[in-house]
Amino acid sequence: MKPNRYTVHIVSDNVDTQKRFSISRAWMQTLIFLVIIIILIIVSSLWYFIPKIADFREKEKQFEEMVFERTQVMELYRDLNRLGQMEEILRSNLSIVSTEDKSSVVDKSESFTISYIENIPSQAPVDGFLTQRMLDESHFWQKNHYGIDIAVIEGEPILAAASGRIIFSGWTYDLGNLIIIYHGDDYFTHYGHNQLNLFKNHGIVKRGDVIALAGSTGISSGPHLHFEIWKSGNVIDPLVFFPEYKKRDISVEENG
């Protein structure tokens, strides 16, 4: 004969203390039924949601890949825009190498002569600390950086790295007050984020001349000089010409 009630005794280490409770057979069956239902619900939920979670993770991965590809496209678009702007600047200002205006070239550049010693970058533009190296291959977390950043005190004199003619002196969105110098033999140097440009377009400078004052104009987090070297349309790491900056390198790439 099946019992109508079940009794449970709880005995502690102290045998004098005991607890007892009883439950009817119907309540016991109901409790077992509820436990089975809960287990079935949990199993069904896992059966339903595990594929959904896997699908979500796959979509999340695809989204990250799409964002990465879009970032690369935007970086390429930005670089193309910048190169296009530089091309317009060169075409409009670099009259000293125009074969169509040879007569005017003589007048405009009578004091500018190309010397393969004076016109190769050899003068460090500022004395400061290297805070960012050149990066010509963009990543998801970091965009291209065509040059080096040198932290200096605001107002520090910026020197021309070599003799040449200034082909651009003005404002740009990224680099703020910018100076570009043509040195002959397809060499160009860029000096960005200046507080003040001291030369105008077509100005002739000698190596070591003060051309600007360091600042934090444009997109900048603090006073520094952004310095680039280009030759024949290709960017060159300034550390090749000025390895002394490596001795004062506090960039994240170096220390991290």
C-alpha atoms as a PDB file:
ATOM      1  CA  MET A   1       0.000   0.000   0.000  1.00  0.00           C
ATOM      2  CA  LYS A   2       1.409   3.384  -1.031  1.00  0.00           C
ATOM      3  CA  PRO A   3       1.806   5.927   1.774  1.00  0.00           C
ATOM      4  CA  ASN A   4      -0.353   9.044   1.761  1.00  0.00           C
ATOM      5  CA  ARG A   5       2.287  11.236   3.393  1.00  0.00           C
ATOM      6  CA  TYR A   6       6.070  11.423   3.513  1.00  0.00           C
ATOM      7  CA  THR A   7       7.898  12.526   6.628  1.00  0.00           C
ATOM      8  CA  VAL A   8      11.396  14.002   6.645  1.00  0.00           C
ATOM      9  CA  HIS A   9      13.541  14.069   9.801  1.00  0.00           C
ATOM     10  CA  ILE A  10      16.440  16.510  10.140  1.00  0.00           C
ATOM     11  CA  VAL A  11      18.864  15.636  12.929  1.00  0.00           C
ATOM     12  CA  SER A  12      21.684  18.016  13.859  1.00  0.00           C
ATOM     13  CA  ASP A  13      25.027  17.076  15.458  1.00  0.00           C
ATOM     14  CA  ASN A  14      23.295  17.709  18.740  1.00  0.00           C
ATOM     15  CA  VAL A  15      20.931  14.735  18.850  1.00  0.00           C
ATOM     16  CA  ASP A  16      18.694  16.639  21.218  1.00  0.00           C
ATOM     17  CA  THR A  17      17.752  18.983  18.388  1.00  0.00           C
ATOM     18  CA  GLN A  18      15.561  17.504  15.701  1.00  0.00           C
ATOM     19  CA  LYS A  19      13.254  18.892  13.062  1.00  0.00           C
ATOM     20  CA  ARG A  20      10.539  17.072  11.263  1.00  0.00           C
ATOM     21  CA  PHE A  21       8.134  17.979   8.529  1.00  0.00           C
ATOM     22  CA  SER A  22       5.823  15.996   6.385  1.00  0.00           C
ATOM     23  CA  ILE A  23       4.387  16.415   2.936  1.00  0.00           C
ATOM     24  CA  SER A  24       1.459  14.740   1.324  1.00  0.00           C
ATOM     25  CA  ARG A  25       1.886  12.314  -1.528  1.00  0.00           C
ATOM     26  CA  ALA A  26      -0.008  14.645  -3.872  1.00  0.00           C
ATOM     27  CA  TRP A  27       2.303  17.570  -3.043  1.00  0.00           C
ATOM     28  CA  MET A  28       5.352  15.362  -3.578  1.00  0.00           C
ATOM     29  CA  GLN A  29       4.113  14.355  -7.025  1.00  0.00           C
ATOM     30  CA  THR A  30       3.370  17.982  -7.815  1.00  0.00           C
ATOM     31  CA  LEU A  31       6.887  19.019  -6.715  1.00  0.00           C
ATOM     32  CA  ILE A  32       8.496  16.308  -8.845  1.00  0.00           C
ATOM     33  CA  PHE A  33       6.335  17.364 -11.794  1.00  0.00           C
ATOM     34  CA  LEU A  34       7.383  21.014 -11.365  1.00  0.00           C
ATOM     35  CA  VAL A  35      11.072  20.051 -11.219  1.00  0.00           C
ATOM     36  CA  ILE A  36      10.686  18.045 -14.426  1.00  0.00           C
ATOM     37  CA  ILE A  37       8.904  20.970 -16.104  1.00  0.00           C
ATOM     38  CA  ILE A  38      11.661  23.403 -15.048  1.00  0.00           C
ATOM     39  CA  ILE A  39      14.360  21.044 -16.382  1.00  0.00           C
ATOM     40  CA  LEU A  40      12.487  20.706 -19.676  1.00  0.00           C
ATOM     41  CA  ILE A  41      12.149  24.507 -19.943  1.00  0.00           C
ATOM     42  CA  ILE A  42      15.863  24.967 -19.320  1.00  0.00           C
ATOM     43  CA  VAL A  43      16.806  22.312 -21.872  1.00  0.00           C
ATOM     44  CA  SER A  44      14.380  23.764 -24.438  1.00  0.00           C
ATOM     45  CA  SER A  45      15.735  27.276 -23.855  1.00  0.00           C
ATOM     46  CA  LEU A  46      19.301  26.096 -24.350  1.00  0.00           C
ATOM     47  CA  TRP A  47      18.250  24.190 -27.469  1.00  0.00           C
ATOM     48  CA  TYR A  48      16.657  27.362 -28.856  1.00  0.00           C
ATOM     49  CA  PHE A  49      19.150  30.045 -27.748  1.00  0.00           C
ATOM     50  CA  ILE A  50      22.516  28.327 -28.354  1.00  0.00           C
ATOM     51  CA  PRO A  51      22.142  28.481 -32.175  1.00  0.00           C
ATOM     52  CA  LYS A  52      20.914  32.082 -31.816  1.00  0.00           C
ATOM     53  CA  ILE A  53      24.015  32.979 -29.803  1.00  0.00           C
ATOM     54  CA  ALA A  54      26.262  31.334 -32.378  1.00  0.00           C
ATOM     55  CA  ASP A  55      24.450  33.207 -35.144  1.00  0.00           C
ATOM     56  CA  PHE A  56      24.801  36.481 -33.224  1.00  0.00           C
ATOM     57  CA  ARG A  57      28.526  35.937 -32.786  1.00  0.00           C
ATOM     58  CA  GLU A  58      28.899  35.223 -36.490  1.00  0.00           C
ATOM     59  CA  LYS A  59      27.010  38.398 -37.383  1.00  0.00           C
ATOM     60  CA  GLU A  60      29.104  40.355 -34.872  1.00  0.00           C
ATOM     61  CA  LYS A  61      32.268  39.032 -36.515  1.00  0.00           C
ATOM     62  CA  GLN A  62      30.954  39.992 -39.969  1.00  0.00           C
ATOM     63  CA  PHE A  63      30.083  43.465 -38.657  1.00  0.00           C
ATOM     64  CA  GLU A  64      33.602  43.947 -37.249  1.00  0.00           C
ATOM     65  CA  GLU A  65      35.098  42.868 -40.582  1.00  0.00           C
ATOM     66  CA  MET A  66      32.822  45.309 -42.403  1.00  0.00           C
ATOM     67  CA  VAL A  67      33.817  48.145 -40.048  1.00  0.00           C
ATOM     68  CA  PHE A  68      37.495  47.272 -40.571  1.00  0.00           C
ATOM     69  CA  GLU A  69      37.105  47.278 -44.362  1.00  0.00           C
ATOM     70  CA  ARG A  70      35.158  50.545 -44.244  1.00  0.00           C
ATOM     71  CA  THR A  71      37.875  52.103 -42.079  1.00  0.00           C
ATOM     72  CA  GLN A  72      40.509  51.065 -44.609  1.00  0.00           C
ATOM     73  CA  VAL A  73      38.442  52.551 -47.441  1.00  0.00           C
ATOM     74  CA  MET A  74      38.036  55.808 -45.511  1.00  0.00           C
ATOM     75  CA  GLU A  75      41.783  55.925 -44.849  1.00  0.00           C
ATOM     76  CA  LEU A  76      42.519  55.399 -48.537  1.00  0.00           C
ATOM     77  CA  TYR A  77      39.986  58.088 -49.444  1.00  0.00           C
ATOM     78  CA  ARG A  78      41.576  60.473 -46.951  1.00  0.00           C
ATOM     79  CA  ASP A  79      45.062  59.760 -48.300  1.00  0.00           C
ATOM     80  CA  LEU A  80      43.918  60.247 -51.892  1.00  0.00           C
ATOM     81  CA  ASN A  81      42.319  63.573 -50.947  1.00  0.00           C
ATOM     82  CA  ARG A  82      45.481  64.691 -49.247  1.00  0.00           C
ATOM     83  CA  LEU A  83      47.677  63.640 -52.175  1.00  0.00           C
ATOM     84  CA  GLY A  84      45.279  65.442 -54.497  1.00  0.00           C
ATOM     85  CA  GLN A  85      45.549  68.593 -52.405  1.00  0.00           C
ATOM     86  CA  MET A  86      49.333  68.340 -52.395  1.00  0.00           C
ATOM     87  CA  GLU A  87      49.314  67.897 -56.173  1.00  0.00           C
ATOM     88  CA  GLU A  88      47.220  71.058 -56.579  1.00  0.00           C
ATOM     89  CA  ILE A  89      49.569  72.922 -54.254  1.00  0.00           C
ATOM     90  CA  LEU A  90      52.603  71.778 -56.207  1.00  0.00           C
ATOM     91  CA  ARG A  91      51.088  72.658 -59.567  1.00  0.00           C
ATOM     92  CA  SER A  92      49.995  76.098 -58.448  1.00  0.00           C
ATOM     93  CA  ASN A  93      53.087  77.070 -56.477  1.00  0.00           C
ATOM     94  CA  LEU A  94      56.060  75.152 -57.834  1.00  0.00           C
ATOM     95  CA  SER A  95      56.772  77.530 -60.726  1.00  0.00           C
ATOM     96  CA  ILE A  96      60.513  77.091 -60.308  1.00  0.00           C
ATOM     97  CA  VAL A  97      60.418  73.715 -62.068  1.00  0.00           C
ATOM     98  CA  SER A  98      57.875  74.579 -64.766  1.00  0.00           C
ATOM     99  CA  THR A  99      59.254  74.092 -68.272  1.00  0.00           C
ATOM    100  CA  GLU A 100      56.497  76.272 -69.674  1.00  0.00           C
ATOM    101  CA  ASP A 101      57.629  79.412 -67.827  1.00  0.00           C
ATOM    102  CA  LYS A 102      61.402  79.218 -68.054  1.00  0.00           C
ATOM    103  CA  SER A 103      61.721  82.955 -68.476  1.00  0.00           C
ATOM    104  CA  SER A 104      59.805  83.664 -65.254  1.00  0.00           C
ATOM    105  CA  VAL A 105      61.749  80.950 -63.453  1.00  0.00           C
ATOM    106  CA  VAL A 106      64.946  82.898 -63.887  1.00  0.00           C
ATOM    107  CA  ASP A 107      63.353  85.959 -62.324  1.00  0.00           C
ATOM    108  CA  LYS A 108      61.682  84.169 -59.438  1.00  0.00           C
ATOM    109  CA  SER A 109      64.520  81.862 -58.465  1.00  0.00           C
ATOM    110  CA  GLU A 110      67.571  83.981 -59.151  1.00  0.00           C
ATOM    111  CA  SER A 111      68.765  83.434 -55.576  1.00  0.00           C
ATOM    112  CA  PHE A 112      67.676  79.792 -55.378  1.00  0.00           C
ATOM    113  CA  THR A 113      70.188  77.308 -56.686  1.00  0.00           C
ATOM    114  CA  ILE A 114      70.070  73.558 -56.327  1.00  0.00           C
ATOM    115  CA  SER A 115      72.991  72.142 -54.352  1.00  0.00           C
ATOM    116  CA  TYR A 116      73.057  68.432 -53.583  1.00  0.00           C
ATOM    117  CA  ILE A 117      74.658  69.247 -50.236  1.00  0.00           C
ATOM    118  CA  GLU A 118      72.628  72.236 -49.039  1.00  0.00           C
ATOM    119  CA  ASN A 119      69.350  70.943 -50.442  1.00  0.00           C
ATOM    120  CA  ILE A 120      69.331  67.457 -48.884  1.00  0.00           C
ATOM    121  CA  PRO A 121      67.630  67.451 -45.434  1.00  0.00           C
ATOM    122  CA  SER A 122      70.461  67.542 -42.916  1.00  0.00           C
ATOM    123  CA  GLN A 123      69.404  70.101 -40.271  1.00  0.00           C
ATOM    124  CA  ALA A 124      67.185  68.798 -37.463  1.00  0.00           C
ATOM    125  CA  PRO A 125      64.144  71.126 -37.505  1.00  0.00           C
ATOM    126  CA  VAL A 126      63.675  71.240 -33.706  1.00  0.00           C
ATOM    127  CA  ASP A 127      65.239  69.932 -30.524  1.00  0.00           C
ATOM    128  CA  GLY A 128      62.591  67.871 -28.785  1.00  0.00           C
ATOM    129  CA  PHE A 129      61.280  64.428 -27.883  1.00  0.00           C
ATOM    130  CA  LEU A 130      60.017  61.937 -30.470  1.00  0.00           C
ATOM    131  CA  THR A 131      56.428  61.095 -29.518  1.00  0.00           C
ATOM    132  CA  GLN A 132      55.213  59.283 -32.625  1.00  0.00           C
ATOM    133  CA  ARG A 133      57.038  57.478 -35.409  1.00  0.00           C
ATOM    134  CA  MET A 134      56.080  57.211 -39.058  1.00  0.00           C
ATOM    135  CA  LEU A 135      53.384  54.705 -40.005  1.00  0.00           C
ATOM    136  CA  ASP A 136      52.653  54.259 -43.710  1.00  0.00           C
ATOM    137  CA  GLU A 137      50.461  51.141 -43.294  1.00  0.00           C
ATOM    138  CA  SER A 138      47.161  51.824 -41.564  1.00  0.00           C
ATOM    139  CA  HIS A 139      45.579  49.452 -39.038  1.00  0.00           C
ATOM    140  CA  PHE A 140      42.082  49.192 -37.585  1.00  0.00           C
ATOM    141  CA  TRP A 141      43.153  51.062 -34.456  1.00  0.00           C
ATOM    142  CA  GLN A 142      45.596  53.511 -36.054  1.00  0.00           C
ATOM    143  CA  LYS A 143      45.642  55.545 -39.245  1.00  0.00           C
ATOM    144  CA  ASN A 144      48.561  56.395 -41.516  1.00  0.00           C
ATOM    145  CA  HIS A 145      51.110  58.805 -40.121  1.00  0.00           C
ATOM    146  CA  TYR A 146      53.373  60.149 -42.862  1.00  0.00           C
ATOM    147  CA  GLY A 147      56.157  61.521 -40.721  1.00  0.00           C
ATOM    148  CA  ILE A 148      57.249  61.918 -37.114  1.00  0.00           C
ATOM    149  CA  ASP A 149      55.937  64.005 -34.214  1.00  0.00           C
ATOM    150  CA  ILE A 150      58.434  65.885 -32.061  1.00  0.00           C
ATOM    151  CA  ALA A 151      57.167  67.372 -28.800  1.00  0.00           C
ATOM    152  CA  VAL A 152      58.504  70.869 -28.107  1.00  0.00           C
ATOM    153  CA  ILE A 153      57.649  73.957 -26.108  1.00  0.00           C
ATOM    154  CA  GLU A 154      55.038  76.148 -27.805  1.00  0.00           C
ATOM    155  CA  GLY A 155      56.752  78.966 -29.670  1.00  0.00           C
ATOM    156  CA  GLU A 156      59.971  76.973 -30.202  1.00  0.00           C
ATOM    157  CA  PRO A 157      61.741  78.049 -33.448  1.00  0.00           C
ATOM    158  CA  ILE A 158      61.409  75.585 -36.333  1.00  0.00           C
ATOM    159  CA  LEU A 159      64.409  75.410 -38.658  1.00  0.00           C
ATOM    160  CA  ALA A 160      64.496  74.584 -42.355  1.00  0.00           C
ATOM    161  CA  ALA A 161      65.967  71.100 -42.756  1.00  0.00           C
ATOM    162  CA  ALA A 162      67.643  72.176 -46.012  1.00  0.00           C
ATOM    163  CA  SER A 163      67.831  75.092 -48.412  1.00  0.00           C
ATOM    164  CA  GLY A 164      64.982  75.548 -50.826  1.00  0.00           C
ATOM    165  CA  ARG A 165      61.865  77.443 -51.841  1.00  0.00           C
ATOM    166  CA  ILE A 166      58.616  77.505 -49.881  1.00  0.00           C
ATOM    167  CA  ILE A 167      55.843  76.249 -52.144  1.00  0.00           C
ATOM    168  CA  PHE A 168      53.074  76.312 -49.538  1.00  0.00           C
ATOM    169  CA  SER A 169      52.594  78.360 -46.404  1.00  0.00           C
ATOM    170  CA  GLY A 170      49.060  78.335 -45.081  1.00  0.00           C
ATOM    171  CA  TRP A 171      46.299  76.513 -43.230  1.00  0.00           C
ATOM    172  CA  THR A 172      45.205  72.877 -43.633  1.00  0.00           C
ATOM    173  CA  TYR A 173      42.519  71.004 -41.706  1.00  0.00           C
ATOM    174  CA  ASP A 174      44.719  68.202 -40.342  1.00  0.00           C
ATOM    175  CA  LEU A 175      48.060  69.919 -39.857  1.00  0.00           C
ATOM    176  CA  GLY A 176      46.927  73.463 -39.067  1.00  0.00           C
ATOM    177  CA  ASN A 177      49.544  76.018 -40.115  1.00  0.00           C
ATOM    178  CA  LEU A 178      51.701  74.112 -42.577  1.00  0.00           C
ATOM    179  CA  ILE A 179      54.878  74.907 -44.514  1.00  0.00           C
ATOM    180  CA  ILE A 180      56.110  72.819 -47.447  1.00  0.00           C
ATOM    181  CA  ILE A 181      59.591  73.408 -48.852  1.00  0.00           C
ATOM    182  CA  TYR A 182      60.913  72.210 -52.206  1.00  0.00           C
ATOM    183  CA  HIS A 183      64.634  71.464 -52.026  1.00  0.00           C
ATOM    184  CA  GLY A 184      65.397  70.344 -55.559  1.00  0.00           C
ATOM    185  CA  ASP A 185      66.150  66.798 -56.749  1.00  0.00           C
ATOM    186  CA  ASP A 186      62.470  65.970 -55.943  1.00  0.00           C
ATOM    187  CA  TYR A 187      62.954  66.472 -52.179  1.00  0.00           C
ATOM    188  CA  PHE A 188      60.157  68.075 -50.139  1.00  0.00           C
ATOM    189  CA  THR A 189      59.798  68.641 -46.406  1.00  0.00           C
ATOM    190  CA  HIS A 190      56.573  69.361 -44.491  1.00  0.00           C
ATOM    191  CA  TYR A 191      56.323  71.214 -41.167  1.00  0.00           C
ATOM    192  CA  GLY A 192      52.869  71.056 -39.540  1.00  0.00           C
ATOM    193  CA  HIS A 193      50.867  72.293 -36.495  1.00  0.00           C
ATOM    194  CA  ASN A 194      52.844  75.560 -36.435  1.00  0.00           C
ATOM    195  CA  GLN A 195      51.770  78.363 -34.157  1.00  0.00           C
ATOM    196  CA  LEU A 196      52.948  80.901 -36.742  1.00  0.00           C
ATOM    197  CA  ASN A 197      54.434  80.634 -40.237  1.00  0.00           C
ATOM    198  CA  LEU A 198      57.222  83.175 -40.718  1.00  0.00           C
ATOM    199  CA  PHE A 199      57.511  82.823 -44.523  1.00  0.00           C
ATOM    200  CA  LYS A 200      55.001  83.220 -47.320  1.00  0.00           C
ATOM    201  CA  ASN A 201      54.683  81.298 -50.581  1.00  0.00           C
ATOM    202  CA  HIS A 202      57.742  81.399 -52.885  1.00  0.00           C
ATOM    203  CA  GLY A 203      60.003  82.513 -50.052  1.00  0.00           C
ATOM    204  CA  ILE A 204      63.582  81.312 -50.367  1.00  0.00           C
ATOM    205  CA  VAL A 205      65.213  79.814 -47.274  1.00  0.00           C
ATOM    206  CA  LYS A 206      68.615  78.476 -46.384  1.00  0.00           C
ATOM    207  CA  ARG A 207      69.348  75.438 -44.277  1.00  0.00           C
ATOM    208  CA  GLY A 208      68.919  76.354 -40.604  1.00  0.00           C
ATOM    209  CA  ASP A 209      66.718  79.420 -41.207  1.00  0.00           C
ATOM    210  CA  VAL A 210      63.834  79.874 -38.739  1.00  0.00           C
ATOM    211  CA  ILE A 211      60.731  79.327 -40.854  1.00  0.00           C
ATOM    212  CA  ALA A 212      57.995  79.007 -38.183  1.00  0.00           C
ATOM    213  CA  LEU A 213      57.170  78.756 -34.490  1.00  0.00           C
ATOM    214  CA  ALA A 214      56.011  75.439 -33.040  1.00  0.00           C
ATOM    215  CA  GLY A 215      52.406  75.192 -31.930  1.00  0.00           C
ATOM    216  CA  SER A 216      49.347  72.971 -31.695  1.00  0.00           C
ATOM    217  CA  THR A 217      47.126  74.096 -34.575  1.00  0.00           C
ATOM    218  CA  GLY A 218      44.944  71.747 -36.594  1.00  0.00           C
ATOM    219  CA  ILE A 219      44.153  68.308 -35.175  1.00  0.00           C
ATOM    220  CA  SER A 220      46.650  68.186 -32.332  1.00  0.00           C
ATOM    221  CA  SER A 221      46.720  67.116 -28.690  1.00  0.00           C
ATOM    222  CA  GLY A 222      49.581  69.405 -27.654  1.00  0.00           C
ATOM    223  CA  PRO A 223      52.490  71.520 -28.914  1.00  0.00           C
ATOM    224  CA  HIS A 224      54.656  69.549 -31.327  1.00  0.00           C
ATOM    225  CA  LEU A 225      56.095  69.571 -34.825  1.00  0.00           C
ATOM    226  CA  HIS A 226      54.804  67.130 -37.424  1.00  0.00           C
ATOM    227  CA  PHE A 227      57.726  66.634 -39.817  1.00  0.00           C
ATOM    228  CA  GLU A 228      57.650  64.784 -43.146  1.00  0.00           C
ATOM    229  CA  ILE A 229      60.186  64.095 -45.909  1.00  0.00           C
ATOM    230  CA  TRP A 230      59.123  63.189 -49.450  1.00  0.00           C
ATOM    231  CA  LYS A 231      61.160  62.319 -52.519  1.00  0.00           C
ATOM    232  CA  SER A 232      59.762  61.664 -55.983  1.00  0.00           C
ATOM    233  CA  GLY A 233      56.258  61.266 -54.544  1.00  0.00           C
ATOM    234  CA  ASN A 234      57.316  58.688 -51.937  1.00  0.00           C
ATOM    235  CA  VAL A 235      57.392  59.301 -48.204  1.00  0.00           C
ATOM    236  CA  ILE A 236      60.707  58.704 -46.415  1.00  0.00           C
ATOM    237  CA  ASP A 237      61.099  58.036 -42.714  1.00  0.00           C
ATOM    238  CA  PRO A 238      62.731  61.181 -41.250  1.00  0.00           C
ATOM    239  CA  LEU A 239      64.652  58.967 -38.818  1.00  0.00           C
ATOM    240  CA  VAL A 240      66.747  57.819 -41.783  1.00  0.00           C
ATOM    241  CA  PHE A 241      68.042  61.399 -42.094  1.00  0.00           C
ATOM    242  CA  PHE A 242      67.924  62.272 -38.396  1.00  0.00           C
ATOM    243  CA  PRO A 243      68.688  59.150 -36.308  1.00  0.00           C
ATOM    244  CA  GLU A 244      69.521  61.379 -33.342  1.00  0.00           C
ATOM    245  CA  TYR A 245      65.790  61.566 -32.577  1.00  0.00           C
ATOM    246  CA  LYS A 246      65.893  57.861 -31.652  1.00  0.00           C
ATOM    247  CA  LYS A 247      67.907  58.776 -28.556  1.00  0.00           C
ATOM    248  CA  ARG A 248      64.957  60.852 -27.300  1.00  0.00           C
ATOM    249  CA  ASP A 249      62.210  58.464 -28.358  1.00  0.00           C
ATOM    250  CA  ILE A 250      59.275  58.286 -25.930  1.00  0.00           C
ATOM    251  CA  SER A 251      56.754  57.023 -28.465  1.00  0.00           C
ATOM    252  CA  VAL A 252      54.300  54.269 -27.542  1.00  0.00           C
ATOM    253  CA  GLU A 253      55.687  52.007 -30.289  1.00  0.00           C
ATOM    254  CA  GLU A 254      59.123  52.178 -28.728  1.00  0.00           C
ATOM    255  CA  ASN A 255      58.079  51.704 -25.142  1.00  0.00           C
ATOM    256  CA  GLY A 256      55.023  49.467 -25.507  1.00  0.00           C
END
